[in-house]
Amino acid sequence: QWELATSKLEEVPGTSDSDGFISGIVYLYRKARGGQVE
């Protein structure tokens, strides 16, 4: 449930017209220290 879909084609499968959301993803990275990651 990222945000409400702007069209039926964008919805997450299995949701209804009234509550149809699109999906999304959050990424989190840690920058390497001294050229190498931990």
PDB file of all heavy atoms in Angstrom:
ATOM      1  N   GLN A   1       0.843  -1.202   0.000  1.00  0.00           N
ATOM      2  CA  GLN A   1       0.000   0.000   0.000  1.00  0.00           C
ATOM      3  C   GLN A   1       0.879   1.254   0.000  1.00  0.00           C
ATOM      4  O   GLN A   1       1.171   1.838   1.031  1.00  0.00           O
ATOM      5  CB  GLN A   1      -0.951  -0.018   1.194  1.00  0.00           C
ATOM      6  CG  GLN A   1      -1.972  -1.136   1.115  1.00  0.00           C
ATOM      7  CD  GLN A   1      -3.061  -1.021   2.164  1.00  0.00           C
ATOM      8  OE1 GLN A   1      -2.917  -0.329   3.159  1.00  0.00           O
ATOM      9  NE2 GLN A   1      -4.155  -1.711   1.946  1.00  0.00           N
ATOM     10  N   TRP A   2       1.311   1.636  -1.189  1.00  0.00           N
ATOM     11  CA  TRP A   2       2.217   2.772  -1.383  1.00  0.00           C
ATOM     12  C   TRP A   2       1.435   4.070  -1.538  1.00  0.00           C
ATOM     13  O   TRP A   2       1.669   5.041  -0.854  1.00  0.00           O
ATOM     14  CB  TRP A   2       3.055   2.503  -2.622  1.00  0.00           C
ATOM     15  CG  TRP A   2       4.260   3.352  -2.792  1.00  0.00           C
ATOM     16  CD1 TRP A   2       4.415   4.390  -3.673  1.00  0.00           C
ATOM     17  CD2 TRP A   2       5.496   3.219  -2.099  1.00  0.00           C
ATOM     18  NE1 TRP A   2       5.672   4.916  -3.573  1.00  0.00           N
ATOM     19  CE2 TRP A   2       6.365   4.212  -2.608  1.00  0.00           C
ATOM     20  CE3 TRP A   2       5.964   2.361  -1.102  1.00  0.00           C
ATOM     21  CZ2 TRP A   2       7.668   4.368  -2.145  1.00  0.00           C
ATOM     22  CZ3 TRP A   2       7.257   2.512  -0.648  1.00  0.00           C
ATOM     23  CH2 TRP A   2       8.092   3.503  -1.157  1.00  0.00           C
ATOM     24  N   GLU A   3       0.509   4.044  -2.478  1.00  0.00           N
ATOM     25  CA  GLU A   3      -0.447   5.131  -2.681  1.00  0.00           C
ATOM     26  C   GLU A   3      -1.593   4.575  -3.516  1.00  0.00           C
ATOM     27  O   GLU A   3      -1.464   3.525  -4.145  1.00  0.00           O
ATOM     28  CB  GLU A   3       0.200   6.324  -3.394  1.00  0.00           C
ATOM     29  CG  GLU A   3       0.594   6.053  -4.826  1.00  0.00           C
ATOM     30  CD  GLU A   3       1.257   7.250  -5.509  1.00  0.00           C
ATOM     31  OE1 GLU A   3       1.540   8.241  -4.821  1.00  0.00           O
ATOM     32  OE2 GLU A   3       1.489   7.178  -6.727  1.00  0.00           O
ATOM     33  N   LEU A   4      -2.724   5.275  -3.511  1.00  0.00           N
ATOM     34  CA  LEU A   4      -3.840   4.826  -4.321  1.00  0.00           C
ATOM     35  C   LEU A   4      -3.466   4.834  -5.794  1.00  0.00           C
ATOM     36  O   LEU A   4      -2.789   5.751  -6.271  1.00  0.00           O
ATOM     37  CB  LEU A   4      -5.054   5.709  -4.083  1.00  0.00           C
ATOM     38  CG  LEU A   4      -5.754   5.539  -2.726  1.00  0.00           C
ATOM     39  CD1 LEU A   4      -6.819   6.605  -2.558  1.00  0.00           C
ATOM     40  CD2 LEU A   4      -6.351   4.154  -2.583  1.00  0.00           C
ATOM     41  N   ALA A   5      -3.899   3.800  -6.501  1.00  0.00           N
ATOM     42  CA  ALA A   5      -3.586   3.676  -7.924  1.00  0.00           C
ATOM     43  C   ALA A   5      -4.286   4.754  -8.730  1.00  0.00           C
ATOM     44  O   ALA A   5      -5.384   5.210  -8.382  1.00  0.00           O
ATOM     45  CB  ALA A   5      -3.998   2.301  -8.427  1.00  0.00           C
ATOM     46  N   THR A   6      -3.648   5.172  -9.814  1.00  0.00           N
ATOM     47  CA  THR A   6      -4.266   6.152 -10.705  1.00  0.00           C
ATOM     48  C   THR A   6      -5.133   5.482 -11.762  1.00  0.00           C
ATOM     49  O   THR A   6      -5.899   6.154 -12.444  1.00  0.00           O
ATOM     50  CB  THR A   6      -3.195   7.006 -11.396  1.00  0.00           C
ATOM     51  OG1 THR A   6      -2.303   6.162 -12.126  1.00  0.00           O
ATOM     52  CG2 THR A   6      -2.417   7.806 -10.363  1.00  0.00           C
ATOM     53  N   SER A   7      -5.026   4.165 -11.902  1.00  0.00           N
ATOM     54  CA  SER A   7      -5.885   3.420 -12.812  1.00  0.00           C
ATOM     55  C   SER A   7      -5.948   1.970 -12.349  1.00  0.00           C
ATOM     56  O   SER A   7      -5.089   1.498 -11.591  1.00  0.00           O
ATOM     57  CB  SER A   7      -5.361   3.478 -14.247  1.00  0.00           C
ATOM     58  OG  SER A   7      -4.213   2.666 -14.396  1.00  0.00           O
ATOM     59  N   LYS A   8      -6.957   1.261 -12.802  1.00  0.00           N
ATOM     60  CA  LYS A   8      -7.132  -0.148 -12.427  1.00  0.00           C
ATOM     61  C   LYS A   8      -5.923  -0.978 -12.840  1.00  0.00           C
ATOM     62  O   LYS A   8      -5.523  -1.910 -12.121  1.00  0.00           O
ATOM     63  CB  LYS A   8      -8.398  -0.690 -13.100  1.00  0.00           C
ATOM     64  CG  LYS A   8      -8.765  -2.101 -12.673  1.00  0.00           C
ATOM     65  CD  LYS A   8      -9.214  -2.163 -11.233  1.00  0.00           C
ATOM     66  CE  LYS A   8      -9.666  -3.584 -10.851  1.00  0.00           C
ATOM     67  NZ  LYS A   8     -10.018  -3.670  -9.418  1.00  0.00           N
ATOM     68  N   LEU A   9      -5.304  -0.640 -13.971  1.00  0.00           N
ATOM     69  CA  LEU A   9      -4.175  -1.420 -14.464  1.00  0.00           C
ATOM     70  C   LEU A   9      -2.959  -1.342 -13.553  1.00  0.00           C
ATOM     71  O   LEU A   9      -2.079  -2.197 -13.608  1.00  0.00           O
ATOM     72  CB  LEU A   9      -3.788  -0.947 -15.871  1.00  0.00           C
ATOM     73  CG  LEU A   9      -4.813  -1.183 -16.973  1.00  0.00           C
ATOM     74  CD1 LEU A   9      -4.344  -0.550 -18.280  1.00  0.00           C
ATOM     75  CD2 LEU A   9      -5.072  -2.672 -17.153  1.00  0.00           C
ATOM     76  N   GLU A  10      -2.889  -0.289 -12.702  1.00  0.00           N
ATOM     77  CA  GLU A  10      -1.731  -0.092 -11.839  1.00  0.00           C
ATOM     78  C   GLU A  10      -1.896  -0.719 -10.458  1.00  0.00           C
ATOM     79  O   GLU A  10      -0.962  -0.726  -9.668  1.00  0.00           O
ATOM     80  CB  GLU A  10      -1.455   1.406 -11.681  1.00  0.00           C
ATOM     81  CG  GLU A  10      -1.105   2.115 -12.977  1.00  0.00           C
ATOM     82  CD  GLU A  10       0.233   1.691 -13.550  1.00  0.00           C
ATOM     83  OE1 GLU A  10       1.056   1.109 -12.809  1.00  0.00           O
ATOM     84  OE2 GLU A  10       0.469   1.922 -14.743  1.00  0.00           O
ATOM     85  N   GLU A  11      -3.074  -1.216 -10.143  1.00  0.00           N
ATOM     86  CA  GLU A  11      -3.343  -1.689  -8.786  1.00  0.00           C
ATOM     87  C   GLU A  11      -2.593  -2.974  -8.462  1.00  0.00           C
ATOM     88  O   GLU A  11      -2.283  -3.787  -9.326  1.00  0.00           O
ATOM     89  CB  GLU A  11      -4.842  -1.934  -8.594  1.00  0.00           C
ATOM     90  CG  GLU A  11      -5.676  -0.683  -8.603  1.00  0.00           C
ATOM     91  CD  GLU A  11      -7.157  -0.973  -8.456  1.00  0.00           C
ATOM     92  OE1 GLU A  11      -7.498  -2.130  -8.143  1.00  0.00           O
ATOM     93  OE2 GLU A  11      -7.963  -0.047  -8.650  1.00  0.00           O
ATOM     94  N   VAL A  12      -2.352  -3.169  -7.155  1.00  0.00           N
ATOM     95  CA  VAL A  12      -1.864  -4.451  -6.658  1.00  0.00           C
ATOM     96  C   VAL A  12      -2.982  -5.475  -6.841  1.00  0.00           C
ATOM     97  O   VAL A  12      -4.131  -5.204  -6.492  1.00  0.00           O
ATOM     98  CB  VAL A  12      -1.482  -4.349  -5.167  1.00  0.00           C
ATOM     99  CG1 VAL A  12      -1.104  -5.725  -4.612  1.00  0.00           C
ATOM    100  CG2 VAL A  12      -0.338  -3.367  -4.981  1.00  0.00           C
ATOM    101  N   PRO A  13      -2.705  -6.651  -7.426  1.00  0.00           N
ATOM    102  CA  PRO A  13      -3.756  -7.642  -7.651  1.00  0.00           C
ATOM    103  C   PRO A  13      -4.489  -7.995  -6.354  1.00  0.00           C
ATOM    104  O   PRO A  13      -3.893  -8.086  -5.282  1.00  0.00           O
ATOM    105  CB  PRO A  13      -2.985  -8.862  -8.189  1.00  0.00           C
ATOM    106  CG  PRO A  13      -1.759  -8.272  -8.803  1.00  0.00           C
ATOM    107  CD  PRO A  13      -1.401  -7.093  -7.948  1.00  0.00           C
ATOM    108  N   GLY A  14      -5.812  -8.178  -6.475  1.00  0.00           N
ATOM    109  CA  GLY A  14      -6.601  -8.592  -5.330  1.00  0.00           C
ATOM    110  C   GLY A  14      -7.246  -7.458  -4.564  1.00  0.00           C
ATOM    111  O   GLY A  14      -7.959  -7.694  -3.591  1.00  0.00           O
ATOM    112  N   THR A  15      -7.036  -6.206  -4.981  1.00  0.00           N
ATOM    113  CA  THR A  15      -7.658  -5.077  -4.297  1.00  0.00           C
ATOM    114  C   THR A  15      -8.884  -4.618  -5.081  1.00  0.00           C
ATOM    115  O   THR A  15      -9.009  -4.880  -6.274  1.00  0.00           O
ATOM    116  CB  THR A  15      -6.686  -3.902  -4.145  1.00  0.00           C
ATOM    117  OG1 THR A  15      -6.218  -3.521  -5.435  1.00  0.00           O
ATOM    118  CG2 THR A  15      -5.504  -4.283  -3.283  1.00  0.00           C
ATOM    119  N   SER A  16      -9.775  -3.932  -4.398  1.00  0.00           N
ATOM    120  CA  SER A  16     -11.014  -3.487  -5.029  1.00  0.00           C
ATOM    121  C   SER A  16     -10.855  -2.090  -5.615  1.00  0.00           C
ATOM    122  O   SER A  16      -9.865  -1.409  -5.369  1.00  0.00           O
ATOM    123  CB  SER A  16     -12.141  -3.479  -3.993  1.00  0.00           C
ATOM    124  OG  SER A  16     -11.920  -2.455  -3.042  1.00  0.00           O
ATOM    125  N   ASP A  17     -11.870  -1.659  -6.359  1.00  0.00           N
ATOM    126  CA  ASP A  17     -11.828  -0.316  -6.951  1.00  0.00           C
ATOM    127  C   ASP A  17     -11.718   0.765  -5.885  1.00  0.00           C
ATOM    128  O   ASP A  17     -11.088   1.789  -6.102  1.00  0.00           O
ATOM    129  CB  ASP A  17     -13.082  -0.070  -7.790  1.00  0.00           C
ATOM    130  CG  ASP A  17     -13.066  -0.859  -9.088  1.00  0.00           C
ATOM    131  OD1 ASP A  17     -11.960  -1.195  -9.544  1.00  0.00           O
ATOM    132  OD2 ASP A  17     -14.145  -1.135  -9.626  1.00  0.00           O
ATOM    133  N   SER A  18     -12.317   0.541  -4.734  1.00  0.00           N
ATOM    134  CA  SER A  18     -12.365   1.585  -3.718  1.00  0.00           C
ATOM    135  C   SER A  18     -11.085   1.696  -2.917  1.00  0.00           C
ATOM    136  O   SER A  18     -10.795   2.743  -2.352  1.00  0.00           O
ATOM    137  CB  SER A  18     -13.544   1.341  -2.766  1.00  0.00           C
ATOM    138  OG  SER A  18     -13.396   0.089  -2.100  1.00  0.00           O
ATOM    139  N   ASP A  19     -10.341   0.609  -2.818  1.00  0.00           N
ATOM    140  CA  ASP A  19      -9.131   0.670  -1.990  1.00  0.00           C
ATOM    141  C   ASP A  19      -7.887   0.205  -2.745  1.00  0.00           C
ATOM    142  O   ASP A  19      -6.904  -0.213  -2.156  1.00  0.00           O
ATOM    143  CB  ASP A  19      -9.298  -0.158  -0.713  1.00  0.00           C
ATOM    144  CG  ASP A  19      -9.474  -1.654  -0.992  1.00  0.00           C
ATOM    145  OD1 ASP A  19      -9.498  -2.041  -2.171  1.00  0.00           O
ATOM    146  OD2 ASP A  19      -9.581  -2.422  -0.019  1.00  0.00           O
ATOM    147  N   GLY A  20      -7.918   0.300  -4.083  1.00  0.00           N
ATOM    148  CA  GLY A  20      -6.819  -0.219  -4.878  1.00  0.00           C
ATOM    149  C   GLY A  20      -5.578   0.639  -4.769  1.00  0.00           C
ATOM    150  O   GLY A  20      -5.577   1.820  -5.115  1.00  0.00           O
ATOM    151  N   PHE A  21      -4.489   0.050  -4.284  1.00  0.00           N
ATOM    152  CA  PHE A  21      -3.212   0.736  -4.110  1.00  0.00           C
ATOM    153  C   PHE A  21      -2.197   0.227  -5.124  1.00  0.00           C
ATOM    154  O   PHE A  21      -2.286  -0.909  -5.598  1.00  0.00           O
ATOM    155  CB  PHE A  21      -2.650   0.480  -2.702  1.00  0.00           C
ATOM    156  CG  PHE A  21      -3.302   1.286  -1.618  1.00  0.00           C
ATOM    157  CD1 PHE A  21      -4.524   0.904  -1.086  1.00  0.00           C
ATOM    158  CD2 PHE A  21      -2.698   2.428  -1.124  1.00  0.00           C
ATOM    159  CE1 PHE A  21      -5.129   1.639  -0.079  1.00  0.00           C
ATOM    160  CE2 PHE A  21      -3.290   3.177  -0.127  1.00  0.00           C
ATOM    161  CZ  PHE A  21      -4.510   2.784   0.397  1.00  0.00           C
ATOM    162  N   ILE A  22      -1.214   1.058  -5.421  1.00  0.00           N
ATOM    163  CA  ILE A  22      -0.018   0.573  -6.092  1.00  0.00           C
ATOM    164  C   ILE A  22       1.010   0.204  -5.029  1.00  0.00           C
ATOM    165  O   ILE A  22       0.891   0.596  -3.864  1.00  0.00           O
ATOM    166  CB  ILE A  22       0.567   1.599  -7.072  1.00  0.00           C
ATOM    167  CG1 ILE A  22       1.102   2.843  -6.340  1.00  0.00           C
ATOM    168  CG2 ILE A  22      -0.440   1.979  -8.138  1.00  0.00           C
ATOM    169  CD1 ILE A  22       1.923   3.757  -7.221  1.00  0.00           C
ATOM    170  N   SER A  23       2.012  -0.538  -5.454  1.00  0.00           N
ATOM    171  CA  SER A  23       3.050  -0.983  -4.537  1.00  0.00           C
ATOM    172  C   SER A  23       4.325  -0.175  -4.745  1.00  0.00           C
ATOM    173  O   SER A  23       4.484   0.547  -5.733  1.00  0.00           O
ATOM    174  CB  SER A  23       3.330  -2.478  -4.739  1.00  0.00           C
ATOM    175  OG  SER A  23       3.663  -2.735  -6.105  1.00  0.00           O
ATOM    176  N   GLY A  24       5.244  -0.304  -3.801  1.00  0.00           N
ATOM    177  CA  GLY A  24       6.532   0.372  -3.882  1.00  0.00           C
ATOM    178  C   GLY A  24       7.561  -0.368  -3.060  1.00  0.00           C
ATOM    179  O   GLY A  24       7.283  -1.433  -2.496  1.00  0.00           O
ATOM    180  N   ILE A  25       8.752   0.193  -2.988  1.00  0.00           N
ATOM    181  CA  ILE A  25       9.823  -0.459  -2.235  1.00  0.00           C
ATOM    182  C   ILE A  25      10.750   0.593  -1.650  1.00  0.00           C
ATOM    183  O   ILE A  25      10.993   1.644  -2.267  1.00  0.00           O
ATOM    184  CB  ILE A  25      10.604  -1.454  -3.131  1.00  0.00           C
ATOM    185  CG1 ILE A  25      11.593  -2.281  -2.307  1.00  0.00           C
ATOM    186  CG2 ILE A  25      11.292  -0.746  -4.302  1.00  0.00           C
ATOM    187  CD1 ILE A  25      12.154  -3.496  -3.070  1.00  0.00           C
ATOM    188  N   VAL A  26      11.243   0.316  -0.441  1.00  0.00           N
ATOM    189  CA  VAL A  26      12.224   1.166   0.239  1.00  0.00           C
ATOM    190  C   VAL A  26      13.540   0.417   0.302  1.00  0.00           C
ATOM    191  O   VAL A  26      13.578  -0.745   0.740  1.00  0.00           O
ATOM    192  CB  VAL A  26      11.764   1.520   1.670  1.00  0.00           C
ATOM    193  CG1 VAL A  26      12.796   2.441   2.342  1.00  0.00           C
ATOM    194  CG2 VAL A  26      10.388   2.168   1.662  1.00  0.00           C
ATOM    195  N   TYR A  27      14.615   1.073  -0.125  1.00  0.00           N
ATOM    196  CA  TYR A  27      15.963   0.509  -0.038  1.00  0.00           C
ATOM    197  C   TYR A  27      16.770   1.318   0.974  1.00  0.00           C
ATOM    198  O   TYR A  27      16.674   2.545   1.019  1.00  0.00           O
ATOM    199  CB  TYR A  27      16.696   0.581  -1.374  1.00  0.00           C
ATOM    200  CG  TYR A  27      16.011  -0.059  -2.545  1.00  0.00           C
ATOM    201  CD1 TYR A  27      15.247   0.705  -3.435  1.00  0.00           C
ATOM    202  CD2 TYR A  27      16.148  -1.419  -2.800  1.00  0.00           C
ATOM    203  CE1 TYR A  27      14.643   0.132  -4.531  1.00  0.00           C
ATOM    204  CE2 TYR A  27      15.533  -2.006  -3.908  1.00  0.00           C
ATOM    205  CZ  TYR A  27      14.785  -1.219  -4.760  1.00  0.00           C
ATOM    206  OH  TYR A  27      14.183  -1.787  -5.859  1.00  0.00           O
ATOM    207  N   LEU A  28      17.609   0.623   1.727  1.00  0.00           N
ATOM    208  CA  LEU A  28      18.521   1.305   2.644  1.00  0.00           C
ATOM    209  C   LEU A  28      19.905   0.695   2.504  1.00  0.00           C
ATOM    210  O   LEU A  28      20.069  -0.530   2.591  1.00  0.00           O
ATOM    211  CB  LEU A  28      18.046   1.175   4.090  1.00  0.00           C
ATOM    212  CG  LEU A  28      18.867   1.935   5.136  1.00  0.00           C
ATOM    213  CD1 LEU A  28      18.770   3.443   4.918  1.00  0.00           C
ATOM    214  CD2 LEU A  28      18.394   1.580   6.548  1.00  0.00           C
ATOM    215  N   TYR A  29      20.903   1.568   2.269  1.00  0.00           N
ATOM    216  CA  TYR A  29      22.292   1.135   2.081  1.00  0.00           C
ATOM    217  C   TYR A  29      23.207   1.883   3.045  1.00  0.00           C
ATOM    218  O   TYR A  29      22.931   3.016   3.425  1.00  0.00           O
ATOM    219  CB  TYR A  29      22.751   1.424   0.647  1.00  0.00           C
ATOM    220  CG  TYR A  29      22.140   0.520  -0.387  1.00  0.00           C
ATOM    221  CD1 TYR A  29      20.892   0.799  -0.928  1.00  0.00           C
ATOM    222  CD2 TYR A  29      22.803  -0.627  -0.821  1.00  0.00           C
ATOM    223  CE1 TYR A  29      20.321  -0.032  -1.880  1.00  0.00           C
ATOM    224  CE2 TYR A  29      22.230  -1.458  -1.779  1.00  0.00           C
ATOM    225  CZ  TYR A  29      20.994  -1.165  -2.304  1.00  0.00           C
ATOM    226  OH  TYR A  29      20.434  -1.992  -3.232  1.00  0.00           O
ATOM    227  N   ARG A  30      24.314   1.211   3.404  1.00  0.00           N
ATOM    228  CA  ARG A  30      25.369   1.859   4.179  1.00  0.00           C
ATOM    229  C   ARG A  30      26.612   1.989   3.303  1.00  0.00           C
ATOM    230  O   ARG A  30      27.090   0.993   2.740  1.00  0.00           O
ATOM    231  CB  ARG A  30      25.716   1.079   5.446  1.00  0.00           C
ATOM    232  CG  ARG A  30      26.685   1.850   6.363  1.00  0.00           C
ATOM    233  CD  ARG A  30      27.083   1.043   7.597  1.00  0.00           C
ATOM    234  NE  ARG A  30      25.945   0.595   8.357  1.00  0.00           N
ATOM    235  CZ  ARG A  30      25.248   1.356   9.219  1.00  0.00           C
ATOM    236  NH1 ARG A  30      25.576   2.629   9.380  1.00  0.00           N
ATOM    237  NH2 ARG A  30      24.228   0.856   9.886  1.00  0.00           N
ATOM    238  N   LYS A  31      27.129   3.210   3.198  1.00  0.00           N
ATOM    239  CA  LYS A  31      28.313   3.452   2.379  1.00  0.00           C
ATOM    240  C   LYS A  31      29.537   2.786   2.996  1.00  0.00           C
ATOM    241  O   LYS A  31      29.688   2.731   4.217  1.00  0.00           O
ATOM    242  CB  LYS A  31      28.556   4.960   2.244  1.00  0.00           C
ATOM    243  CG  LYS A  31      29.734   5.320   1.350  1.00  0.00           C
ATOM    244  CD  LYS A  31      29.877   6.828   1.187  1.00  0.00           C
ATOM    245  CE  LYS A  31      31.088   7.208   0.362  1.00  0.00           C
ATOM    246  NZ  LYS A  31      31.213   8.658   0.160  1.00  0.00           N
ATOM    247  N   ALA A  32      30.407   2.322   2.136  1.00  0.00           N
ATOM    248  CA  ALA A  32      31.628   1.662   2.595  1.00  0.00           C
ATOM    249  C   ALA A  32      32.492   2.618   3.408  1.00  0.00           C
ATOM    250  O   ALA A  32      32.514   3.822   3.177  1.00  0.00           O
ATOM    251  CB  ALA A  32      32.421   1.147   1.396  1.00  0.00           C
ATOM    252  N   ARG A  33      33.220   2.058   4.343  1.00  0.00           N
ATOM    253  CA  ARG A  33      34.223   2.805   5.105  1.00  0.00           C
ATOM    254  C   ARG A  33      35.592   2.471   4.505  1.00  0.00           C
ATOM    255  O   ARG A  33      35.955   1.313   4.407  1.00  0.00           O
ATOM    256  CB  ARG A  33      34.213   2.398   6.580  1.00  0.00           C
ATOM    257  CG  ARG A  33      32.902   2.685   7.301  1.00  0.00           C
ATOM    258  CD  ARG A  33      33.002   2.213   8.739  1.00  0.00           C
ATOM    259  NE  ARG A  33      31.742   2.333   9.450  1.00  0.00           N
ATOM    260  CZ  ARG A  33      31.340   3.422  10.094  1.00  0.00           C
ATOM    261  NH1 ARG A  33      32.127   4.479  10.120  1.00  0.00           N
ATOM    262  NH2 ARG A  33      30.183   3.449  10.728  1.00  0.00           N
ATOM    263  N   GLY A  34      36.320   3.470   4.105  1.00  0.00           N
ATOM    264  CA  GLY A  34      37.659   3.253   3.588  1.00  0.00           C
ATOM    265  C   GLY A  34      37.708   2.387   2.359  1.00  0.00           C
ATOM    266  O   GLY A  34      38.658   1.645   2.141  1.00  0.00           O
ATOM    267  N   GLY A  35      36.640   2.459   1.539  1.00  0.00           N
ATOM    268  CA  GLY A  35      36.654   1.746   0.269  1.00  0.00           C
ATOM    269  C   GLY A  35      36.091   0.343   0.326  1.00  0.00           C
ATOM    270  O   GLY A  35      35.944  -0.302  -0.686  1.00  0.00           O
ATOM    271  N   GLN A  36      35.774  -0.165   1.535  1.00  0.00           N
ATOM    272  CA  GLN A  36      35.223  -1.507   1.650  1.00  0.00           C
ATOM    273  C   GLN A  36      33.999  -1.467   2.551  1.00  0.00           C
ATOM    274  O   GLN A  36      33.977  -0.789   3.573  1.00  0.00           O
ATOM    275  CB  GLN A  36      36.258  -2.487   2.259  1.00  0.00           C
ATOM    276  CG  GLN A  36      37.477  -2.695   1.396  1.00  0.00           C
ATOM    277  CD  GLN A  36      37.159  -3.427   0.113  1.00  0.00           C
ATOM    278  OE1 GLN A  36      36.396  -4.376   0.099  1.00  0.00           O
ATOM    279  NE2 GLN A  36      37.754  -2.975  -0.985  1.00  0.00           N
ATOM    280  N   VAL A  37      32.984  -2.224   2.170  1.00  0.00           N
ATOM    281  CA  VAL A  37      31.797  -2.288   3.012  1.00  0.00           C
ATOM    282  C   VAL A  37      32.048  -3.233   4.166  1.00  0.00           C
ATOM    283  O   VAL A  37      32.902  -4.123   4.112  1.00  0.00           O
ATOM    284  CB  VAL A  37      30.568  -2.772   2.212  1.00  0.00           C
ATOM    285  CG1 VAL A  37      30.188  -1.775   1.164  1.00  0.00           C
ATOM    286  CG2 VAL A  37      30.813  -4.136   1.593  1.00  0.00           C
ATOM    287  N   GLU A  38      31.282  -3.019   5.234  1.00  0.00           N
ATOM    288  CA  GLU A  38      31.367  -3.911   6.379  1.00  0.00           C
ATOM    289  C   GLU A  38      30.548  -5.160   6.106  1.00  0.00           C
ATOM    290  O   GLU A  38      29.655  -5.172   5.267  1.00  0.00           O
ATOM    291  CB  GLU A  38      30.856  -3.189   7.629  1.00  0.00           C
ATOM    292  CG  GLU A  38      31.685  -1.963   7.980  1.00  0.00           C
ATOM    293  CD  GLU A  38      31.079  -1.170   9.118  1.00  0.00           C
ATOM    294  OE1 GLU A  38      29.984  -1.540   9.578  1.00  0.00           O
ATOM    295  OE2 GLU A  38      31.701  -0.187   9.540  1.00  0.00           O
TER     296      GLU A  38
END
